[in-house]
Amino acid sequence: ESILELGCGLALASLVSHRRGALVT
């Protein structure tokens, strides 16, 4: 699954997802 975070700022959600192995932008 590919994930895009909009207006990430400090990108907490992206960091959590990335740490879990998700494919994040």
PDBML (XML) file of the C-alpha atoms, coordinates in Angstrom:
<?xml version="1.0" encoding="UTF-8" ?>
<PDBx:datablock datablockName="MODEL"
   xmlns:PDBx="http://pdbml.pdb.org/schema/pdbx-v50.xsd"
   xmlns:xsi="http://www.w3.org/2001/XMLSchema-instance"
   xsi:schemaLocation="http://pdbml.pdb.org/schema/pdbx-v50.xsd pdbx-v50.xsd">
   <PDBx:atom_siteCategory>
      <PDBx:atom_site id="1">
         <PDBx:B_iso_or_equiv>0.00</PDBx:B_iso_or_equiv>
         <PDBx:Cartn_x>0.000</PDBx:Cartn_x>
         <PDBx:Cartn_y>0.000</PDBx:Cartn_y>
         <PDBx:Cartn_z>0.000</PDBx:Cartn_z>
         <PDBx:auth_asym_id>A</PDBx:auth_asym_id>
         <PDBx:auth_atom_id>CA</PDBx:auth_atom_id>
         <PDBx:auth_comp_id>GLU</PDBx:auth_comp_id>
         <PDBx:auth_seq_id>1</PDBx:auth_seq_id>
         <PDBx:group_PDB>ATOM</PDBx:group_PDB>
         <PDBx:label_alt_id xsi:nil="true" />
         <PDBx:label_asym_id>A</PDBx:label_asym_id>
         <PDBx:label_atom_id>CA</PDBx:label_atom_id>
         <PDBx:label_comp_id>GLU</PDBx:label_comp_id>
         <PDBx:label_entity_id>1</PDBx:label_entity_id>
         <PDBx:label_seq_id>1</PDBx:label_seq_id>
         <PDBx:occupancy>1.00</PDBx:occupancy>
         <PDBx:pdbx_PDB_model_num>1</PDBx:pdbx_PDB_model_num>
         <PDBx:type_symbol>C</PDBx:type_symbol>
      </PDBx:atom_site>
      <PDBx:atom_site id="2">
         <PDBx:B_iso_or_equiv>0.00</PDBx:B_iso_or_equiv>
         <PDBx:Cartn_x>1.271</PDBx:Cartn_x>
         <PDBx:Cartn_y>3.481</PDBx:Cartn_y>
         <PDBx:Cartn_z>-0.908</PDBx:Cartn_z>
         <PDBx:auth_asym_id>A</PDBx:auth_asym_id>
         <PDBx:auth_atom_id>CA</PDBx:auth_atom_id>
         <PDBx:auth_comp_id>SER</PDBx:auth_comp_id>
         <PDBx:auth_seq_id>2</PDBx:auth_seq_id>
         <PDBx:group_PDB>ATOM</PDBx:group_PDB>
         <PDBx:label_alt_id xsi:nil="true" />
         <PDBx:label_asym_id>A</PDBx:label_asym_id>
         <PDBx:label_atom_id>CA</PDBx:label_atom_id>
         <PDBx:label_comp_id>SER</PDBx:label_comp_id>
         <PDBx:label_entity_id>1</PDBx:label_entity_id>
         <PDBx:label_seq_id>2</PDBx:label_seq_id>
         <PDBx:occupancy>1.00</PDBx:occupancy>
         <PDBx:pdbx_PDB_model_num>1</PDBx:pdbx_PDB_model_num>
         <PDBx:type_symbol>C</PDBx:type_symbol>
      </PDBx:atom_site>
      <PDBx:atom_site id="3">
         <PDBx:B_iso_or_equiv>0.00</PDBx:B_iso_or_equiv>
         <PDBx:Cartn_x>0.536</PDBx:Cartn_x>
         <PDBx:Cartn_y>6.321</PDBx:Cartn_y>
         <PDBx:Cartn_z>1.527</PDBx:Cartn_z>
         <PDBx:auth_asym_id>A</PDBx:auth_asym_id>
         <PDBx:auth_atom_id>CA</PDBx:auth_atom_id>
         <PDBx:auth_comp_id>ILE</PDBx:auth_comp_id>
         <PDBx:auth_seq_id>3</PDBx:auth_seq_id>
         <PDBx:group_PDB>ATOM</PDBx:group_PDB>
         <PDBx:label_alt_id xsi:nil="true" />
         <PDBx:label_asym_id>A</PDBx:label_asym_id>
         <PDBx:label_atom_id>CA</PDBx:label_atom_id>
         <PDBx:label_comp_id>ILE</PDBx:label_comp_id>
         <PDBx:label_entity_id>1</PDBx:label_entity_id>
         <PDBx:label_seq_id>3</PDBx:label_seq_id>
         <PDBx:occupancy>1.00</PDBx:occupancy>
         <PDBx:pdbx_PDB_model_num>1</PDBx:pdbx_PDB_model_num>
         <PDBx:type_symbol>C</PDBx:type_symbol>
      </PDBx:atom_site>
      <PDBx:atom_site id="4">
         <PDBx:B_iso_or_equiv>0.00</PDBx:B_iso_or_equiv>
         <PDBx:Cartn_x>0.716</PDBx:Cartn_x>
         <PDBx:Cartn_y>10.097</PDBx:Cartn_y>
         <PDBx:Cartn_z>1.031</PDBx:Cartn_z>
         <PDBx:auth_asym_id>A</PDBx:auth_asym_id>
         <PDBx:auth_atom_id>CA</PDBx:auth_atom_id>
         <PDBx:auth_comp_id>LEU</PDBx:auth_comp_id>
         <PDBx:auth_seq_id>4</PDBx:auth_seq_id>
         <PDBx:group_PDB>ATOM</PDBx:group_PDB>
         <PDBx:label_alt_id xsi:nil="true" />
         <PDBx:label_asym_id>A</PDBx:label_asym_id>
         <PDBx:label_atom_id>CA</PDBx:label_atom_id>
         <PDBx:label_comp_id>LEU</PDBx:label_comp_id>
         <PDBx:label_entity_id>1</PDBx:label_entity_id>
         <PDBx:label_seq_id>4</PDBx:label_seq_id>
         <PDBx:occupancy>1.00</PDBx:occupancy>
         <PDBx:pdbx_PDB_model_num>1</PDBx:pdbx_PDB_model_num>
         <PDBx:type_symbol>C</PDBx:type_symbol>
      </PDBx:atom_site>
      <PDBx:atom_site id="5">
         <PDBx:B_iso_or_equiv>0.00</PDBx:B_iso_or_equiv>
         <PDBx:Cartn_x>0.553</PDBx:Cartn_x>
         <PDBx:Cartn_y>12.533</PDBx:Cartn_y>
         <PDBx:Cartn_z>3.945</PDBx:Cartn_z>
         <PDBx:auth_asym_id>A</PDBx:auth_asym_id>
         <PDBx:auth_atom_id>CA</PDBx:auth_atom_id>
         <PDBx:auth_comp_id>GLU</PDBx:auth_comp_id>
         <PDBx:auth_seq_id>5</PDBx:auth_seq_id>
         <PDBx:group_PDB>ATOM</PDBx:group_PDB>
         <PDBx:label_alt_id xsi:nil="true" />
         <PDBx:label_asym_id>A</PDBx:label_asym_id>
         <PDBx:label_atom_id>CA</PDBx:label_atom_id>
         <PDBx:label_comp_id>GLU</PDBx:label_comp_id>
         <PDBx:label_entity_id>1</PDBx:label_entity_id>
         <PDBx:label_seq_id>5</PDBx:label_seq_id>
         <PDBx:occupancy>1.00</PDBx:occupancy>
         <PDBx:pdbx_PDB_model_num>1</PDBx:pdbx_PDB_model_num>
         <PDBx:type_symbol>C</PDBx:type_symbol>
      </PDBx:atom_site>
      <PDBx:atom_site id="6">
         <PDBx:B_iso_or_equiv>0.00</PDBx:B_iso_or_equiv>
         <PDBx:Cartn_x>-0.738</PDBx:Cartn_x>
         <PDBx:Cartn_y>15.998</PDBx:Cartn_y>
         <PDBx:Cartn_z>3.040</PDBx:Cartn_z>
         <PDBx:auth_asym_id>A</PDBx:auth_asym_id>
         <PDBx:auth_atom_id>CA</PDBx:auth_atom_id>
         <PDBx:auth_comp_id>LEU</PDBx:auth_comp_id>
         <PDBx:auth_seq_id>6</PDBx:auth_seq_id>
         <PDBx:group_PDB>ATOM</PDBx:group_PDB>
         <PDBx:label_alt_id xsi:nil="true" />
         <PDBx:label_asym_id>A</PDBx:label_asym_id>
         <PDBx:label_atom_id>CA</PDBx:label_atom_id>
         <PDBx:label_comp_id>LEU</PDBx:label_comp_id>
         <PDBx:label_entity_id>1</PDBx:label_entity_id>
         <PDBx:label_seq_id>6</PDBx:label_seq_id>
         <PDBx:occupancy>1.00</PDBx:occupancy>
         <PDBx:pdbx_PDB_model_num>1</PDBx:pdbx_PDB_model_num>
         <PDBx:type_symbol>C</PDBx:type_symbol>
      </PDBx:atom_site>
      <PDBx:atom_site id="7">
         <PDBx:B_iso_or_equiv>0.00</PDBx:B_iso_or_equiv>
         <PDBx:Cartn_x>0.595</PDBx:Cartn_x>
         <PDBx:Cartn_y>19.080</PDBx:Cartn_y>
         <PDBx:Cartn_z>4.818</PDBx:Cartn_z>
         <PDBx:auth_asym_id>A</PDBx:auth_asym_id>
         <PDBx:auth_atom_id>CA</PDBx:auth_atom_id>
         <PDBx:auth_comp_id>GLY</PDBx:auth_comp_id>
         <PDBx:auth_seq_id>7</PDBx:auth_seq_id>
         <PDBx:group_PDB>ATOM</PDBx:group_PDB>
         <PDBx:label_alt_id xsi:nil="true" />
         <PDBx:label_asym_id>A</PDBx:label_asym_id>
         <PDBx:label_atom_id>CA</PDBx:label_atom_id>
         <PDBx:label_comp_id>GLY</PDBx:label_comp_id>
         <PDBx:label_entity_id>1</PDBx:label_entity_id>
         <PDBx:label_seq_id>7</PDBx:label_seq_id>
         <PDBx:occupancy>1.00</PDBx:occupancy>
         <PDBx:pdbx_PDB_model_num>1</PDBx:pdbx_PDB_model_num>
         <PDBx:type_symbol>C</PDBx:type_symbol>
      </PDBx:atom_site>
      <PDBx:atom_site id="8">
         <PDBx:B_iso_or_equiv>0.00</PDBx:B_iso_or_equiv>
         <PDBx:Cartn_x>2.707</PDBx:Cartn_x>
         <PDBx:Cartn_y>16.851</PDBx:Cartn_y>
         <PDBx:Cartn_z>7.007</PDBx:Cartn_z>
         <PDBx:auth_asym_id>A</PDBx:auth_asym_id>
         <PDBx:auth_atom_id>CA</PDBx:auth_atom_id>
         <PDBx:auth_comp_id>CYS</PDBx:auth_comp_id>
         <PDBx:auth_seq_id>8</PDBx:auth_seq_id>
         <PDBx:group_PDB>ATOM</PDBx:group_PDB>
         <PDBx:label_alt_id xsi:nil="true" />
         <PDBx:label_asym_id>A</PDBx:label_asym_id>
         <PDBx:label_atom_id>CA</PDBx:label_atom_id>
         <PDBx:label_comp_id>CYS</PDBx:label_comp_id>
         <PDBx:label_entity_id>1</PDBx:label_entity_id>
         <PDBx:label_seq_id>8</PDBx:label_seq_id>
         <PDBx:occupancy>1.00</PDBx:occupancy>
         <PDBx:pdbx_PDB_model_num>1</PDBx:pdbx_PDB_model_num>
         <PDBx:type_symbol>C</PDBx:type_symbol>
      </PDBx:atom_site>
      <PDBx:atom_site id="9">
         <PDBx:B_iso_or_equiv>0.00</PDBx:B_iso_or_equiv>
         <PDBx:Cartn_x>4.377</PDBx:Cartn_x>
         <PDBx:Cartn_y>19.534</PDBx:Cartn_y>
         <PDBx:Cartn_z>9.155</PDBx:Cartn_z>
         <PDBx:auth_asym_id>A</PDBx:auth_asym_id>
         <PDBx:auth_atom_id>CA</PDBx:auth_atom_id>
         <PDBx:auth_comp_id>GLY</PDBx:auth_comp_id>
         <PDBx:auth_seq_id>9</PDBx:auth_seq_id>
         <PDBx:group_PDB>ATOM</PDBx:group_PDB>
         <PDBx:label_alt_id xsi:nil="true" />
         <PDBx:label_asym_id>A</PDBx:label_asym_id>
         <PDBx:label_atom_id>CA</PDBx:label_atom_id>
         <PDBx:label_comp_id>GLY</PDBx:label_comp_id>
         <PDBx:label_entity_id>1</PDBx:label_entity_id>
         <PDBx:label_seq_id>9</PDBx:label_seq_id>
         <PDBx:occupancy>1.00</PDBx:occupancy>
         <PDBx:pdbx_PDB_model_num>1</PDBx:pdbx_PDB_model_num>
         <PDBx:type_symbol>C</PDBx:type_symbol>
      </PDBx:atom_site>
      <PDBx:atom_site id="10">
         <PDBx:B_iso_or_equiv>0.00</PDBx:B_iso_or_equiv>
         <PDBx:Cartn_x>6.473</PDBx:Cartn_x>
         <PDBx:Cartn_y>17.520</PDBx:Cartn_y>
         <PDBx:Cartn_z>11.615</PDBx:Cartn_z>
         <PDBx:auth_asym_id>A</PDBx:auth_asym_id>
         <PDBx:auth_atom_id>CA</PDBx:auth_atom_id>
         <PDBx:auth_comp_id>LEU</PDBx:auth_comp_id>
         <PDBx:auth_seq_id>10</PDBx:auth_seq_id>
         <PDBx:group_PDB>ATOM</PDBx:group_PDB>
         <PDBx:label_alt_id xsi:nil="true" />
         <PDBx:label_asym_id>A</PDBx:label_asym_id>
         <PDBx:label_atom_id>CA</PDBx:label_atom_id>
         <PDBx:label_comp_id>LEU</PDBx:label_comp_id>
         <PDBx:label_entity_id>1</PDBx:label_entity_id>
         <PDBx:label_seq_id>10</PDBx:label_seq_id>
         <PDBx:occupancy>1.00</PDBx:occupancy>
         <PDBx:pdbx_PDB_model_num>1</PDBx:pdbx_PDB_model_num>
         <PDBx:type_symbol>C</PDBx:type_symbol>
      </PDBx:atom_site>
      <PDBx:atom_site id="11">
         <PDBx:B_iso_or_equiv>0.00</PDBx:B_iso_or_equiv>
         <PDBx:Cartn_x>5.100</PDBx:Cartn_x>
         <PDBx:Cartn_y>14.350</PDBx:Cartn_y>
         <PDBx:Cartn_z>9.970</PDBx:Cartn_z>
         <PDBx:auth_asym_id>A</PDBx:auth_asym_id>
         <PDBx:auth_atom_id>CA</PDBx:auth_atom_id>
         <PDBx:auth_comp_id>ALA</PDBx:auth_comp_id>
         <PDBx:auth_seq_id>11</PDBx:auth_seq_id>
         <PDBx:group_PDB>ATOM</PDBx:group_PDB>
         <PDBx:label_alt_id xsi:nil="true" />
         <PDBx:label_asym_id>A</PDBx:label_asym_id>
         <PDBx:label_atom_id>CA</PDBx:label_atom_id>
         <PDBx:label_comp_id>ALA</PDBx:label_comp_id>
         <PDBx:label_entity_id>1</PDBx:label_entity_id>
         <PDBx:label_seq_id>11</PDBx:label_seq_id>
         <PDBx:occupancy>1.00</PDBx:occupancy>
         <PDBx:pdbx_PDB_model_num>1</PDBx:pdbx_PDB_model_num>
         <PDBx:type_symbol>C</PDBx:type_symbol>
      </PDBx:atom_site>
      <PDBx:atom_site id="12">
         <PDBx:B_iso_or_equiv>0.00</PDBx:B_iso_or_equiv>
         <PDBx:Cartn_x>4.288</PDBx:Cartn_x>
         <PDBx:Cartn_y>12.357</PDBx:Cartn_y>
         <PDBx:Cartn_z>13.104</PDBx:Cartn_z>
         <PDBx:auth_asym_id>A</PDBx:auth_asym_id>
         <PDBx:auth_atom_id>CA</PDBx:auth_atom_id>
         <PDBx:auth_comp_id>LEU</PDBx:auth_comp_id>
         <PDBx:auth_seq_id>12</PDBx:auth_seq_id>
         <PDBx:group_PDB>ATOM</PDBx:group_PDB>
         <PDBx:label_alt_id xsi:nil="true" />
         <PDBx:label_asym_id>A</PDBx:label_asym_id>
         <PDBx:label_atom_id>CA</PDBx:label_atom_id>
         <PDBx:label_comp_id>LEU</PDBx:label_comp_id>
         <PDBx:label_entity_id>1</PDBx:label_entity_id>
         <PDBx:label_seq_id>12</PDBx:label_seq_id>
         <PDBx:occupancy>1.00</PDBx:occupancy>
         <PDBx:pdbx_PDB_model_num>1</PDBx:pdbx_PDB_model_num>
         <PDBx:type_symbol>C</PDBx:type_symbol>
      </PDBx:atom_site>
      <PDBx:atom_site id="13">
         <PDBx:B_iso_or_equiv>0.00</PDBx:B_iso_or_equiv>
         <PDBx:Cartn_x>1.846</PDBx:Cartn_x>
         <PDBx:Cartn_y>10.096</PDBx:Cartn_y>
         <PDBx:Cartn_z>11.241</PDBx:Cartn_z>
         <PDBx:auth_asym_id>A</PDBx:auth_asym_id>
         <PDBx:auth_atom_id>CA</PDBx:auth_atom_id>
         <PDBx:auth_comp_id>ALA</PDBx:auth_comp_id>
         <PDBx:auth_seq_id>13</PDBx:auth_seq_id>
         <PDBx:group_PDB>ATOM</PDBx:group_PDB>
         <PDBx:label_alt_id xsi:nil="true" />
         <PDBx:label_asym_id>A</PDBx:label_asym_id>
         <PDBx:label_atom_id>CA</PDBx:label_atom_id>
         <PDBx:label_comp_id>ALA</PDBx:label_comp_id>
         <PDBx:label_entity_id>1</PDBx:label_entity_id>
         <PDBx:label_seq_id>13</PDBx:label_seq_id>
         <PDBx:occupancy>1.00</PDBx:occupancy>
         <PDBx:pdbx_PDB_model_num>1</PDBx:pdbx_PDB_model_num>
         <PDBx:type_symbol>C</PDBx:type_symbol>
      </PDBx:atom_site>
      <PDBx:atom_site id="14">
         <PDBx:B_iso_or_equiv>0.00</PDBx:B_iso_or_equiv>
         <PDBx:Cartn_x>4.367</PDBx:Cartn_x>
         <PDBx:Cartn_y>9.491</PDBx:Cartn_y>
         <PDBx:Cartn_z>8.460</PDBx:Cartn_z>
         <PDBx:auth_asym_id>A</PDBx:auth_asym_id>
         <PDBx:auth_atom_id>CA</PDBx:auth_atom_id>
         <PDBx:auth_comp_id>SER</PDBx:auth_comp_id>
         <PDBx:auth_seq_id>14</PDBx:auth_seq_id>
         <PDBx:group_PDB>ATOM</PDBx:group_PDB>
         <PDBx:label_alt_id xsi:nil="true" />
         <PDBx:label_asym_id>A</PDBx:label_asym_id>
         <PDBx:label_atom_id>CA</PDBx:label_atom_id>
         <PDBx:label_comp_id>SER</PDBx:label_comp_id>
         <PDBx:label_entity_id>1</PDBx:label_entity_id>
         <PDBx:label_seq_id>14</PDBx:label_seq_id>
         <PDBx:occupancy>1.00</PDBx:occupancy>
         <PDBx:pdbx_PDB_model_num>1</PDBx:pdbx_PDB_model_num>
         <PDBx:type_symbol>C</PDBx:type_symbol>
      </PDBx:atom_site>
      <PDBx:atom_site id="15">
         <PDBx:B_iso_or_equiv>0.00</PDBx:B_iso_or_equiv>
         <PDBx:Cartn_x>7.104</PDBx:Cartn_x>
         <PDBx:Cartn_y>8.666</PDBx:Cartn_y>
         <PDBx:Cartn_z>10.971</PDBx:Cartn_z>
         <PDBx:auth_asym_id>A</PDBx:auth_asym_id>
         <PDBx:auth_atom_id>CA</PDBx:auth_atom_id>
         <PDBx:auth_comp_id>LEU</PDBx:auth_comp_id>
         <PDBx:auth_seq_id>15</PDBx:auth_seq_id>
         <PDBx:group_PDB>ATOM</PDBx:group_PDB>
         <PDBx:label_alt_id xsi:nil="true" />
         <PDBx:label_asym_id>A</PDBx:label_asym_id>
         <PDBx:label_atom_id>CA</PDBx:label_atom_id>
         <PDBx:label_comp_id>LEU</PDBx:label_comp_id>
         <PDBx:label_entity_id>1</PDBx:label_entity_id>
         <PDBx:label_seq_id>15</PDBx:label_seq_id>
         <PDBx:occupancy>1.00</PDBx:occupancy>
         <PDBx:pdbx_PDB_model_num>1</PDBx:pdbx_PDB_model_num>
         <PDBx:type_symbol>C</PDBx:type_symbol>
      </PDBx:atom_site>
      <PDBx:atom_site id="16">
         <PDBx:B_iso_or_equiv>0.00</PDBx:B_iso_or_equiv>
         <PDBx:Cartn_x>4.853</PDBx:Cartn_x>
         <PDBx:Cartn_y>6.190</PDBx:Cartn_y>
         <PDBx:Cartn_z>12.802</PDBx:Cartn_z>
         <PDBx:auth_asym_id>A</PDBx:auth_asym_id>
         <PDBx:auth_atom_id>CA</PDBx:auth_atom_id>
         <PDBx:auth_comp_id>VAL</PDBx:auth_comp_id>
         <PDBx:auth_seq_id>16</PDBx:auth_seq_id>
         <PDBx:group_PDB>ATOM</PDBx:group_PDB>
         <PDBx:label_alt_id xsi:nil="true" />
         <PDBx:label_asym_id>A</PDBx:label_asym_id>
         <PDBx:label_atom_id>CA</PDBx:label_atom_id>
         <PDBx:label_comp_id>VAL</PDBx:label_comp_id>
         <PDBx:label_entity_id>1</PDBx:label_entity_id>
         <PDBx:label_seq_id>16</PDBx:label_seq_id>
         <PDBx:occupancy>1.00</PDBx:occupancy>
         <PDBx:pdbx_PDB_model_num>1</PDBx:pdbx_PDB_model_num>
         <PDBx:type_symbol>C</PDBx:type_symbol>
      </PDBx:atom_site>
      <PDBx:atom_site id="17">
         <PDBx:B_iso_or_equiv>0.00</PDBx:B_iso_or_equiv>
         <PDBx:Cartn_x>3.789</PDBx:Cartn_x>
         <PDBx:Cartn_y>4.533</PDBx:Cartn_y>
         <PDBx:Cartn_z>9.542</PDBx:Cartn_z>
         <PDBx:auth_asym_id>A</PDBx:auth_asym_id>
         <PDBx:auth_atom_id>CA</PDBx:auth_atom_id>
         <PDBx:auth_comp_id>SER</PDBx:auth_comp_id>
         <PDBx:auth_seq_id>17</PDBx:auth_seq_id>
         <PDBx:group_PDB>ATOM</PDBx:group_PDB>
         <PDBx:label_alt_id xsi:nil="true" />
         <PDBx:label_asym_id>A</PDBx:label_asym_id>
         <PDBx:label_atom_id>CA</PDBx:label_atom_id>
         <PDBx:label_comp_id>SER</PDBx:label_comp_id>
         <PDBx:label_entity_id>1</PDBx:label_entity_id>
         <PDBx:label_seq_id>17</PDBx:label_seq_id>
         <PDBx:occupancy>1.00</PDBx:occupancy>
         <PDBx:pdbx_PDB_model_num>1</PDBx:pdbx_PDB_model_num>
         <PDBx:type_symbol>C</PDBx:type_symbol>
      </PDBx:atom_site>
      <PDBx:atom_site id="18">
         <PDBx:B_iso_or_equiv>0.00</PDBx:B_iso_or_equiv>
         <PDBx:Cartn_x>7.362</PDBx:Cartn_x>
         <PDBx:Cartn_y>4.450</PDBx:Cartn_y>
         <PDBx:Cartn_z>8.221</PDBx:Cartn_z>
         <PDBx:auth_asym_id>A</PDBx:auth_asym_id>
         <PDBx:auth_atom_id>CA</PDBx:auth_atom_id>
         <PDBx:auth_comp_id>HIS</PDBx:auth_comp_id>
         <PDBx:auth_seq_id>18</PDBx:auth_seq_id>
         <PDBx:group_PDB>ATOM</PDBx:group_PDB>
         <PDBx:label_alt_id xsi:nil="true" />
         <PDBx:label_asym_id>A</PDBx:label_asym_id>
         <PDBx:label_atom_id>CA</PDBx:label_atom_id>
         <PDBx:label_comp_id>HIS</PDBx:label_comp_id>
         <PDBx:label_entity_id>1</PDBx:label_entity_id>
         <PDBx:label_seq_id>18</PDBx:label_seq_id>
         <PDBx:occupancy>1.00</PDBx:occupancy>
         <PDBx:pdbx_PDB_model_num>1</PDBx:pdbx_PDB_model_num>
         <PDBx:type_symbol>C</PDBx:type_symbol>
      </PDBx:atom_site>
      <PDBx:atom_site id="19">
         <PDBx:B_iso_or_equiv>0.00</PDBx:B_iso_or_equiv>
         <PDBx:Cartn_x>8.597</PDBx:Cartn_x>
         <PDBx:Cartn_y>2.864</PDBx:Cartn_y>
         <PDBx:Cartn_z>11.440</PDBx:Cartn_z>
         <PDBx:auth_asym_id>A</PDBx:auth_asym_id>
         <PDBx:auth_atom_id>CA</PDBx:auth_atom_id>
         <PDBx:auth_comp_id>ARG</PDBx:auth_comp_id>
         <PDBx:auth_seq_id>19</PDBx:auth_seq_id>
         <PDBx:group_PDB>ATOM</PDBx:group_PDB>
         <PDBx:label_alt_id xsi:nil="true" />
         <PDBx:label_asym_id>A</PDBx:label_asym_id>
         <PDBx:label_atom_id>CA</PDBx:label_atom_id>
         <PDBx:label_comp_id>ARG</PDBx:label_comp_id>
         <PDBx:label_entity_id>1</PDBx:label_entity_id>
         <PDBx:label_seq_id>19</PDBx:label_seq_id>
         <PDBx:occupancy>1.00</PDBx:occupancy>
         <PDBx:pdbx_PDB_model_num>1</PDBx:pdbx_PDB_model_num>
         <PDBx:type_symbol>C</PDBx:type_symbol>
      </PDBx:atom_site>
      <PDBx:atom_site id="20">
         <PDBx:B_iso_or_equiv>0.00</PDBx:B_iso_or_equiv>
         <PDBx:Cartn_x>5.940</PDBx:Cartn_x>
         <PDBx:Cartn_y>0.150</PDBx:Cartn_y>
         <PDBx:Cartn_z>10.988</PDBx:Cartn_z>
         <PDBx:auth_asym_id>A</PDBx:auth_asym_id>
         <PDBx:auth_atom_id>CA</PDBx:auth_atom_id>
         <PDBx:auth_comp_id>ARG</PDBx:auth_comp_id>
         <PDBx:auth_seq_id>20</PDBx:auth_seq_id>
         <PDBx:group_PDB>ATOM</PDBx:group_PDB>
         <PDBx:label_alt_id xsi:nil="true" />
         <PDBx:label_asym_id>A</PDBx:label_asym_id>
         <PDBx:label_atom_id>CA</PDBx:label_atom_id>
         <PDBx:label_comp_id>ARG</PDBx:label_comp_id>
         <PDBx:label_entity_id>1</PDBx:label_entity_id>
         <PDBx:label_seq_id>20</PDBx:label_seq_id>
         <PDBx:occupancy>1.00</PDBx:occupancy>
         <PDBx:pdbx_PDB_model_num>1</PDBx:pdbx_PDB_model_num>
         <PDBx:type_symbol>C</PDBx:type_symbol>
      </PDBx:atom_site>
      <PDBx:atom_site id="21">
         <PDBx:B_iso_or_equiv>0.00</PDBx:B_iso_or_equiv>
         <PDBx:Cartn_x>7.204</PDBx:Cartn_x>
         <PDBx:Cartn_y>-0.637</PDBx:Cartn_y>
         <PDBx:Cartn_z>7.488</PDBx:Cartn_z>
         <PDBx:auth_asym_id>A</PDBx:auth_asym_id>
         <PDBx:auth_atom_id>CA</PDBx:auth_atom_id>
         <PDBx:auth_comp_id>GLY</PDBx:auth_comp_id>
         <PDBx:auth_seq_id>21</PDBx:auth_seq_id>
         <PDBx:group_PDB>ATOM</PDBx:group_PDB>
         <PDBx:label_alt_id xsi:nil="true" />
         <PDBx:label_asym_id>A</PDBx:label_asym_id>
         <PDBx:label_atom_id>CA</PDBx:label_atom_id>
         <PDBx:label_comp_id>GLY</PDBx:label_comp_id>
         <PDBx:label_entity_id>1</PDBx:label_entity_id>
         <PDBx:label_seq_id>21</PDBx:label_seq_id>
         <PDBx:occupancy>1.00</PDBx:occupancy>
         <PDBx:pdbx_PDB_model_num>1</PDBx:pdbx_PDB_model_num>
         <PDBx:type_symbol>C</PDBx:type_symbol>
      </PDBx:atom_site>
      <PDBx:atom_site id="22">
         <PDBx:B_iso_or_equiv>0.00</PDBx:B_iso_or_equiv>
         <PDBx:Cartn_x>4.638</PDBx:Cartn_x>
         <PDBx:Cartn_y>1.218</PDBx:Cartn_y>
         <PDBx:Cartn_z>5.393</PDBx:Cartn_z>
         <PDBx:auth_asym_id>A</PDBx:auth_asym_id>
         <PDBx:auth_atom_id>CA</PDBx:auth_atom_id>
         <PDBx:auth_comp_id>ALA</PDBx:auth_comp_id>
         <PDBx:auth_seq_id>22</PDBx:auth_seq_id>
         <PDBx:group_PDB>ATOM</PDBx:group_PDB>
         <PDBx:label_alt_id xsi:nil="true" />
         <PDBx:label_asym_id>A</PDBx:label_asym_id>
         <PDBx:label_atom_id>CA</PDBx:label_atom_id>
         <PDBx:label_comp_id>ALA</PDBx:label_comp_id>
         <PDBx:label_entity_id>1</PDBx:label_entity_id>
         <PDBx:label_seq_id>22</PDBx:label_seq_id>
         <PDBx:occupancy>1.00</PDBx:occupancy>
         <PDBx:pdbx_PDB_model_num>1</PDBx:pdbx_PDB_model_num>
         <PDBx:type_symbol>C</PDBx:type_symbol>
      </PDBx:atom_site>
      <PDBx:atom_site id="23">
         <PDBx:B_iso_or_equiv>0.00</PDBx:B_iso_or_equiv>
         <PDBx:Cartn_x>5.520</PDBx:Cartn_x>
         <PDBx:Cartn_y>2.819</PDBx:Cartn_y>
         <PDBx:Cartn_z>2.043</PDBx:Cartn_z>
         <PDBx:auth_asym_id>A</PDBx:auth_asym_id>
         <PDBx:auth_atom_id>CA</PDBx:auth_atom_id>
         <PDBx:auth_comp_id>LEU</PDBx:auth_comp_id>
         <PDBx:auth_seq_id>23</PDBx:auth_seq_id>
         <PDBx:group_PDB>ATOM</PDBx:group_PDB>
         <PDBx:label_alt_id xsi:nil="true" />
         <PDBx:label_asym_id>A</PDBx:label_asym_id>
         <PDBx:label_atom_id>CA</PDBx:label_atom_id>
         <PDBx:label_comp_id>LEU</PDBx:label_comp_id>
         <PDBx:label_entity_id>1</PDBx:label_entity_id>
         <PDBx:label_seq_id>23</PDBx:label_seq_id>
         <PDBx:occupancy>1.00</PDBx:occupancy>
         <PDBx:pdbx_PDB_model_num>1</PDBx:pdbx_PDB_model_num>
         <PDBx:type_symbol>C</PDBx:type_symbol>
      </PDBx:atom_site>
      <PDBx:atom_site id="24">
         <PDBx:B_iso_or_equiv>0.00</PDBx:B_iso_or_equiv>
         <PDBx:Cartn_x>5.062</PDBx:Cartn_x>
         <PDBx:Cartn_y>6.502</PDBx:Cartn_y>
         <PDBx:Cartn_z>2.883</PDBx:Cartn_z>
         <PDBx:auth_asym_id>A</PDBx:auth_asym_id>
         <PDBx:auth_atom_id>CA</PDBx:auth_atom_id>
         <PDBx:auth_comp_id>VAL</PDBx:auth_comp_id>
         <PDBx:auth_seq_id>24</PDBx:auth_seq_id>
         <PDBx:group_PDB>ATOM</PDBx:group_PDB>
         <PDBx:label_alt_id xsi:nil="true" />
         <PDBx:label_asym_id>A</PDBx:label_asym_id>
         <PDBx:label_atom_id>CA</PDBx:label_atom_id>
         <PDBx:label_comp_id>VAL</PDBx:label_comp_id>
         <PDBx:label_entity_id>1</PDBx:label_entity_id>
         <PDBx:label_seq_id>24</PDBx:label_seq_id>
         <PDBx:occupancy>1.00</PDBx:occupancy>
         <PDBx:pdbx_PDB_model_num>1</PDBx:pdbx_PDB_model_num>
         <PDBx:type_symbol>C</PDBx:type_symbol>
      </PDBx:atom_site>
      <PDBx:atom_site id="25">
         <PDBx:B_iso_or_equiv>0.00</PDBx:B_iso_or_equiv>
         <PDBx:Cartn_x>5.565</PDBx:Cartn_x>
         <PDBx:Cartn_y>9.808</PDBx:Cartn_y>
         <PDBx:Cartn_z>1.091</PDBx:Cartn_z>
         <PDBx:auth_asym_id>A</PDBx:auth_asym_id>
         <PDBx:auth_atom_id>CA</PDBx:auth_atom_id>
         <PDBx:auth_comp_id>THR</PDBx:auth_comp_id>
         <PDBx:auth_seq_id>25</PDBx:auth_seq_id>
         <PDBx:group_PDB>ATOM</PDBx:group_PDB>
         <PDBx:label_alt_id xsi:nil="true" />
         <PDBx:label_asym_id>A</PDBx:label_asym_id>
         <PDBx:label_atom_id>CA</PDBx:label_atom_id>
         <PDBx:label_comp_id>THR</PDBx:label_comp_id>
         <PDBx:label_entity_id>1</PDBx:label_entity_id>
         <PDBx:label_seq_id>25</PDBx:label_seq_id>
         <PDBx:occupancy>1.00</PDBx:occupancy>
         <PDBx:pdbx_PDB_model_num>1</PDBx:pdbx_PDB_model_num>
         <PDBx:type_symbol>C</PDBx:type_symbol>
      </PDBx:atom_site>
   </PDBx:atom_siteCategory>
</PDBx:datablock>
